[in-house]
Amino acid sequence: MSAAHGQTPSQTVGPYFAYGLASEQYGSPLRQLFGPVLAEPRTPGEPIVVTGRVLDGEGAPIPDALVEIQHADAQGRHVRSRAEIAASGFRGFGRMGTGTLPGHAFAFRTIKPGATPDGQAPHIDVIVSMRGLLSHAFTRIYFDDEAAANVRDPVLGAVPPARRATLLATRETHPGGVVYRLDIRMQGEAETVFFDV
């Protein structure tokens, strides 16, 4: 005999993404497929670090978000095979939780991407997963020192001018190399532009 039950409400997700998908980062003996290093020292292109924090509506860093990035190589080509990865040392995809670095930051070691053949400016595609989200949030990181390419980019051009700055990472030069910095604001004032993908 079965009882009739109504539909149950959806439950919020997490905060377990980072622990399961970035297991090595959190000290687990389980091997993870992707981490925060996308390029080896031998990879052609300008080595960079892309860093920032995922912030809530009050501007506080979120300690258990998962950030995934994907981008083209320095020539604007996307990785298509393991053979390409082996040849160049460039993976094209990275993943990191915000729970282990000071200030709950993320930091990816990679190379600066080139403009893609379809006319898009150098950019990084970003996916954010975190507690309270029922689905991923999709955004992009553009580079503030690519002004001419940014003006021609069709995706950035579709963003209202007043909101474009939420997608522009600021270039900083340090003794250890070039760092691009951008915080991802999930809501509130200066909320990051998210895309409906």
C-alpha atoms as a PDB file:
ATOM      1  CA  MET A   1       0.000   0.000   0.000  1.00  0.00           C
ATOM      2  CA  SER A   2       1.456   3.358  -0.966  1.00  0.00           C
ATOM      3  CA  ALA A   3       0.638   6.702   0.457  1.00  0.00           C
ATOM      4  CA  ALA A   4       0.198   9.715  -1.788  1.00  0.00           C
ATOM      5  CA  HIS A   5       2.919  12.253  -1.219  1.00  0.00           C
ATOM      6  CA  GLY A   6       3.196  15.701  -2.634  1.00  0.00           C
ATOM      7  CA  GLN A   7       6.234  17.007  -4.409  1.00  0.00           C
ATOM      8  CA  THR A   8       9.056  17.938  -2.064  1.00  0.00           C
ATOM      9  CA  PRO A   9      10.734  21.334  -2.408  1.00  0.00           C
ATOM     10  CA  SER A  10      14.172  21.561  -3.979  1.00  0.00           C
ATOM     11  CA  GLN A  11      17.047  21.584  -1.556  1.00  0.00           C
ATOM     12  CA  THR A  12      19.918  24.003  -1.735  1.00  0.00           C
ATOM     13  CA  VAL A  13      23.216  22.523  -2.825  1.00  0.00           C
ATOM     14  CA  GLY A  14      26.597  22.264  -1.137  1.00  0.00           C
ATOM     15  CA  PRO A  15      28.792  23.109   0.527  1.00  0.00           C
ATOM     16  CA  TYR A  16      30.404  19.939  -0.743  1.00  0.00           C
ATOM     17  CA  PHE A  17      31.486  20.748  -4.284  1.00  0.00           C
ATOM     18  CA  ALA A  18      34.971  21.883  -3.404  1.00  0.00           C
ATOM     19  CA  TYR A  19      35.654  18.971  -1.080  1.00  0.00           C
ATOM     20  CA  GLY A  20      34.652  16.404  -3.686  1.00  0.00           C
ATOM     21  CA  LEU A  21      35.930  18.000  -6.875  1.00  0.00           C
ATOM     22  CA  ALA A  22      39.112  19.606  -5.495  1.00  0.00           C
ATOM     23  CA  SER A  23      39.933  16.808  -3.091  1.00  0.00           C
ATOM     24  CA  GLU A  24      43.745  17.135  -3.135  1.00  0.00           C
ATOM     25  CA  GLN A  25      43.472  20.834  -2.307  1.00  0.00           C
ATOM     26  CA  TYR A  26      41.539  19.934   0.837  1.00  0.00           C
ATOM     27  CA  GLY A  27      43.990  17.241   1.949  1.00  0.00           C
ATOM     28  CA  SER A  28      42.105  14.187   0.740  1.00  0.00           C
ATOM     29  CA  PRO A  29      44.118  11.216  -0.528  1.00  0.00           C
ATOM     30  CA  LEU A  30      41.734  10.997  -3.495  1.00  0.00           C
ATOM     31  CA  ARG A  31      43.262  12.161  -6.774  1.00  0.00           C
ATOM     32  CA  GLN A  32      41.546  15.011  -8.551  1.00  0.00           C
ATOM     33  CA  LEU A  33      41.467  15.355 -12.334  1.00  0.00           C
ATOM     34  CA  PHE A  34      41.841  19.128 -12.494  1.00  0.00           C
ATOM     35  CA  GLY A  35      43.500  21.633 -10.204  1.00  0.00           C
ATOM     36  CA  PRO A  36      44.554  25.283 -10.150  1.00  0.00           C
ATOM     37  CA  VAL A  37      47.542  24.857 -12.498  1.00  0.00           C
ATOM     38  CA  LEU A  38      46.580  24.977 -16.178  1.00  0.00           C
ATOM     39  CA  ALA A  39      50.008  25.519 -17.740  1.00  0.00           C
ATOM     40  CA  GLU A  40      53.495  24.152 -17.251  1.00  0.00           C
ATOM     41  CA  PRO A  41      56.593  26.405 -17.319  1.00  0.00           C
ATOM     42  CA  ARG A  42      57.317  25.179 -20.869  1.00  0.00           C
ATOM     43  CA  THR A  43      53.885  26.214 -22.183  1.00  0.00           C
ATOM     44  CA  PRO A  44      54.150  28.931 -24.870  1.00  0.00           C
ATOM     45  CA  GLY A  45      52.634  32.246 -23.822  1.00  0.00           C
ATOM     46  CA  GLU A  46      52.790  34.788 -21.010  1.00  0.00           C
ATOM     47  CA  PRO A  47      52.593  33.109 -17.596  1.00  0.00           C
ATOM     48  CA  ILE A  48      49.954  34.716 -15.386  1.00  0.00           C
ATOM     49  CA  VAL A  49      48.099  34.168 -12.130  1.00  0.00           C
ATOM     50  CA  VAL A  50      44.355  34.837 -12.121  1.00  0.00           C
ATOM     51  CA  THR A  51      43.110  35.493  -8.610  1.00  0.00           C
ATOM     52  CA  GLY A  52      40.158  36.872  -6.716  1.00  0.00           C
ATOM     53  CA  ARG A  53      37.435  35.984  -4.262  1.00  0.00           C
ATOM     54  CA  VAL A  54      33.799  34.959  -4.550  1.00  0.00           C
ATOM     55  CA  LEU A  55      31.800  37.483  -2.508  1.00  0.00           C
ATOM     56  CA  ASP A  56      28.274  37.305  -1.129  1.00  0.00           C
ATOM     57  CA  GLY A  57      25.690  40.108  -1.140  1.00  0.00           C
ATOM     58  CA  GLU A  58      27.284  41.720   1.918  1.00  0.00           C
ATOM     59  CA  GLY A  59      30.737  41.695   0.325  1.00  0.00           C
ATOM     60  CA  ALA A  60      32.055  38.860   2.526  1.00  0.00           C
ATOM     61  CA  PRO A  61      34.231  36.139   0.969  1.00  0.00           C
ATOM     62  CA  ILE A  62      32.490  32.788   0.517  1.00  0.00           C
ATOM     63  CA  PRO A  63      34.705  30.060   2.030  1.00  0.00           C
ATOM     64  CA  ASP A  64      33.247  27.035   0.250  1.00  0.00           C
ATOM     65  CA  ALA A  65      32.638  28.030  -3.367  1.00  0.00           C
ATOM     66  CA  LEU A  66      34.064  26.104  -6.297  1.00  0.00           C
ATOM     67  CA  VAL A  67      35.505  28.062  -9.231  1.00  0.00           C
ATOM     68  CA  GLU A  68      36.174  26.396 -12.576  1.00  0.00           C
ATOM     69  CA  ILE A  69      37.856  28.139 -15.492  1.00  0.00           C
ATOM     70  CA  GLN A  70      38.402  27.297 -19.135  1.00  0.00           C
ATOM     71  CA  HIS A  71      40.190  29.288 -21.836  1.00  0.00           C
ATOM     72  CA  ALA A  72      42.099  29.210 -25.099  1.00  0.00           C
ATOM     73  CA  ASP A  73      45.876  29.054 -25.377  1.00  0.00           C
ATOM     74  CA  ALA A  74      48.086  32.021 -26.260  1.00  0.00           C
ATOM     75  CA  GLN A  75      47.202  31.625 -29.962  1.00  0.00           C
ATOM     76  CA  GLY A  76      43.459  31.634 -29.264  1.00  0.00           C
ATOM     77  CA  ARG A  77      43.015  27.883 -29.818  1.00  0.00           C
ATOM     78  CA  HIS A  78      41.151  25.584 -27.433  1.00  0.00           C
ATOM     79  CA  VAL A  79      42.665  22.280 -26.344  1.00  0.00           C
ATOM     80  CA  ARG A  80      41.128  19.401 -28.295  1.00  0.00           C
ATOM     81  CA  SER A  81      43.053  16.300 -27.244  1.00  0.00           C
ATOM     82  CA  ARG A  82      45.372  14.702 -24.701  1.00  0.00           C
ATOM     83  CA  ALA A  83      48.081  14.759 -27.349  1.00  0.00           C
ATOM     84  CA  GLU A  84      47.834  18.565 -27.523  1.00  0.00           C
ATOM     85  CA  ILE A  85      48.093  18.778 -23.734  1.00  0.00           C
ATOM     86  CA  ALA A  86      51.161  16.537 -23.745  1.00  0.00           C
ATOM     87  CA  ALA A  87      52.804  18.591 -26.500  1.00  0.00           C
ATOM     88  CA  SER A  88      52.200  22.034 -25.015  1.00  0.00           C
ATOM     89  CA  GLY A  89      51.790  21.442 -21.279  1.00  0.00           C
ATOM     90  CA  PHE A  90      48.560  23.465 -21.419  1.00  0.00           C
ATOM     91  CA  ARG A  91      45.397  21.845 -20.015  1.00  0.00           C
ATOM     92  CA  GLY A  92      42.891  24.583 -20.776  1.00  0.00           C
ATOM     93  CA  PHE A  93      40.698  23.804 -17.751  1.00  0.00           C
ATOM     94  CA  GLY A  94      41.189  24.311 -14.014  1.00  0.00           C
ATOM     95  CA  ARG A  95      39.257  23.927 -10.790  1.00  0.00           C
ATOM     96  CA  MET A  96      39.760  25.333  -7.294  1.00  0.00           C
ATOM     97  CA  GLY A  97      37.808  25.721  -4.068  1.00  0.00           C
ATOM     98  CA  THR A  98      37.878  28.927  -2.037  1.00  0.00           C
ATOM     99  CA  GLY A  99      38.496  27.237   1.309  1.00  0.00           C
ATOM    100  CA  THR A 100      42.273  26.972   1.674  1.00  0.00           C
ATOM    101  CA  LEU A 101      43.970  30.232   0.614  1.00  0.00           C
ATOM    102  CA  PRO A 102      44.119  33.333   2.848  1.00  0.00           C
ATOM    103  CA  GLY A 103      41.016  35.493   2.462  1.00  0.00           C
ATOM    104  CA  HIS A 104      39.191  32.555   0.825  1.00  0.00           C
ATOM    105  CA  ALA A 105      40.698  33.452  -2.547  1.00  0.00           C
ATOM    106  CA  PHE A 106      41.087  31.394  -5.691  1.00  0.00           C
ATOM    107  CA  ALA A 107      44.331  31.523  -7.682  1.00  0.00           C
ATOM    108  CA  PHE A 108      44.992  29.852 -11.021  1.00  0.00           C
ATOM    109  CA  ARG A 109      48.433  29.552 -12.630  1.00  0.00           C
ATOM    110  CA  THR A 110      48.021  29.651 -16.369  1.00  0.00           C
ATOM    111  CA  ILE A 111      48.972  31.595 -19.489  1.00  0.00           C
ATOM    112  CA  LYS A 112      47.249  34.633 -20.883  1.00  0.00           C
ATOM    113  CA  PRO A 113      44.800  33.508 -23.563  1.00  0.00           C
ATOM    114  CA  GLY A 114      44.849  34.938 -27.056  1.00  0.00           C
ATOM    115  CA  ALA A 115      41.936  36.326 -29.036  1.00  0.00           C
ATOM    116  CA  THR A 116      39.891  33.550 -30.634  1.00  0.00           C
ATOM    117  CA  PRO A 117      39.454  33.263 -34.418  1.00  0.00           C
ATOM    118  CA  ASP A 118      35.765  34.275 -34.163  1.00  0.00           C
ATOM    119  CA  GLY A 119      36.714  37.772 -33.000  1.00  0.00           C
ATOM    120  CA  GLN A 120      36.327  37.351 -29.254  1.00  0.00           C
ATOM    121  CA  ALA A 121      38.808  39.222 -27.076  1.00  0.00           C
ATOM    122  CA  PRO A 122      41.146  37.269 -24.800  1.00  0.00           C
ATOM    123  CA  HIS A 123      38.930  35.975 -22.007  1.00  0.00           C
ATOM    124  CA  ILE A 124      38.412  33.202 -19.478  1.00  0.00           C
ATOM    125  CA  ASP A 125      35.099  31.376 -19.097  1.00  0.00           C
ATOM    126  CA  VAL A 126      34.174  30.892 -15.438  1.00  0.00           C
ATOM    127  CA  ILE A 127      31.706  28.629 -13.647  1.00  0.00           C
ATOM    128  CA  VAL A 128      30.887  29.196  -9.967  1.00  0.00           C
ATOM    129  CA  SER A 129      29.149  26.597  -7.795  1.00  0.00           C
ATOM    130  CA  MET A 130      28.301  27.271  -4.179  1.00  0.00           C
ATOM    131  CA  ARG A 131      25.795  26.679  -1.430  1.00  0.00           C
ATOM    132  CA  GLY A 132      22.406  28.149  -2.097  1.00  0.00           C
ATOM    133  CA  LEU A 133      22.704  27.861  -5.885  1.00  0.00           C
ATOM    134  CA  LEU A 134      20.537  25.286  -7.594  1.00  0.00           C
ATOM    135  CA  SER A 135      22.541  25.644 -10.788  1.00  0.00           C
ATOM    136  CA  HIS A 136      25.992  26.872 -11.790  1.00  0.00           C
ATOM    137  CA  ALA A 137      26.584  30.566 -12.384  1.00  0.00           C
ATOM    138  CA  PHE A 138      28.423  31.376 -15.638  1.00  0.00           C
ATOM    139  CA  THR A 139      30.543  34.464 -16.155  1.00  0.00           C
ATOM    140  CA  ARG A 140      33.711  35.611 -17.896  1.00  0.00           C
ATOM    141  CA  ILE A 141      36.956  37.333 -17.064  1.00  0.00           C
ATOM    142  CA  TYR A 142      38.315  39.864 -19.552  1.00  0.00           C
ATOM    143  CA  PHE A 143      41.617  41.729 -19.225  1.00  0.00           C
ATOM    144  CA  ASP A 144      41.812  45.476 -18.575  1.00  0.00           C
ATOM    145  CA  ASP A 145      44.949  45.813 -20.734  1.00  0.00           C
ATOM    146  CA  GLU A 146      43.136  44.510 -23.847  1.00  0.00           C
ATOM    147  CA  ALA A 147      41.044  47.636 -24.452  1.00  0.00           C
ATOM    148  CA  ALA A 148      41.032  47.496 -28.262  1.00  0.00           C
ATOM    149  CA  ALA A 149      40.078  43.797 -28.373  1.00  0.00           C
ATOM    150  CA  ASN A 150      37.461  44.295 -25.642  1.00  0.00           C
ATOM    151  CA  VAL A 151      35.704  46.981 -27.694  1.00  0.00           C
ATOM    152  CA  ARG A 152      35.305  44.529 -30.595  1.00  0.00           C
ATOM    153  CA  ASP A 153      34.221  41.544 -28.467  1.00  0.00           C
ATOM    154  CA  PRO A 154      30.589  40.626 -29.305  1.00  0.00           C
ATOM    155  CA  VAL A 155      29.800  39.114 -25.897  1.00  0.00           C
ATOM    156  CA  LEU A 156      31.249  42.006 -23.893  1.00  0.00           C
ATOM    157  CA  GLY A 157      29.555  44.397 -26.307  1.00  0.00           C
ATOM    158  CA  ALA A 158      26.176  42.896 -25.369  1.00  0.00           C
ATOM    159  CA  VAL A 159      26.738  43.815 -21.707  1.00  0.00           C
ATOM    160  CA  PRO A 160      25.424  47.246 -20.645  1.00  0.00           C
ATOM    161  CA  PRO A 161      28.407  49.665 -20.559  1.00  0.00           C
ATOM    162  CA  ALA A 162      27.885  50.487 -16.876  1.00  0.00           C
ATOM    163  CA  ARG A 163      28.267  46.801 -15.948  1.00  0.00           C
ATOM    164  CA  ARG A 164      31.265  45.814 -18.096  1.00  0.00           C
ATOM    165  CA  ALA A 165      33.753  46.681 -15.367  1.00  0.00           C
ATOM    166  CA  THR A 166      32.451  43.721 -13.336  1.00  0.00           C
ATOM    167  CA  LEU A 167      34.128  41.450 -15.903  1.00  0.00           C
ATOM    168  CA  LEU A 168      37.485  43.250 -16.199  1.00  0.00           C
ATOM    169  CA  ALA A 169      40.449  41.837 -14.293  1.00  0.00           C
ATOM    170  CA  THR A 170      43.097  44.354 -13.262  1.00  0.00           C
ATOM    171  CA  ARG A 171      46.696  43.664 -14.270  1.00  0.00           C
ATOM    172  CA  GLU A 172      49.312  43.869 -11.515  1.00  0.00           C
ATOM    173  CA  THR A 173      53.029  43.262 -11.991  1.00  0.00           C
ATOM    174  CA  HIS A 174      54.838  41.687  -9.042  1.00  0.00           C
ATOM    175  CA  PRO A 175      58.394  40.366  -8.618  1.00  0.00           C
ATOM    176  CA  GLY A 176      56.996  36.840  -9.086  1.00  0.00           C
ATOM    177  CA  GLY A 177      55.183  37.712 -12.325  1.00  0.00           C
ATOM    178  CA  VAL A 178      51.941  39.079 -13.706  1.00  0.00           C
ATOM    179  CA  VAL A 179      48.733  38.789 -11.688  1.00  0.00           C
ATOM    180  CA  TYR A 180      45.217  39.575 -12.880  1.00  0.00           C
ATOM    181  CA  ARG A 181      42.773  40.256 -10.067  1.00  0.00           C
ATOM    182  CA  LEU A 182      38.964  40.169 -10.140  1.00  0.00           C
ATOM    183  CA  ASP A 183      36.437  39.453  -7.412  1.00  0.00           C
ATOM    184  CA  ILE A 184      33.217  37.690  -8.388  1.00  0.00           C
ATOM    185  CA  ARG A 185      30.270  39.314  -6.627  1.00  0.00           C
ATOM    186  CA  MET A 186      27.290  36.971  -6.496  1.00  0.00           C
ATOM    187  CA  GLN A 187      24.749  39.709  -5.701  1.00  0.00           C
ATOM    188  CA  GLY A 188      24.403  43.195  -4.300  1.00  0.00           C
ATOM    189  CA  GLU A 189      26.148  46.370  -5.372  1.00  0.00           C
ATOM    190  CA  ALA A 190      28.454  45.872  -8.366  1.00  0.00           C
ATOM    191  CA  GLU A 191      27.129  42.322  -8.866  1.00  0.00           C
ATOM    192  CA  THR A 192      29.123  40.440 -11.480  1.00  0.00           C
ATOM    193  CA  VAL A 193      27.456  39.970 -14.852  1.00  0.00           C
ATOM    194  CA  PHE A 194      26.327  36.369 -15.224  1.00  0.00           C
ATOM    195  CA  PHE A 195      25.335  34.772 -18.508  1.00  0.00           C
ATOM    196  CA  ASP A 196      22.327  32.630 -19.333  1.00  0.00           C
ATOM    197  CA  VAL A 197      24.089  29.651 -20.930  1.00  0.00           C
END
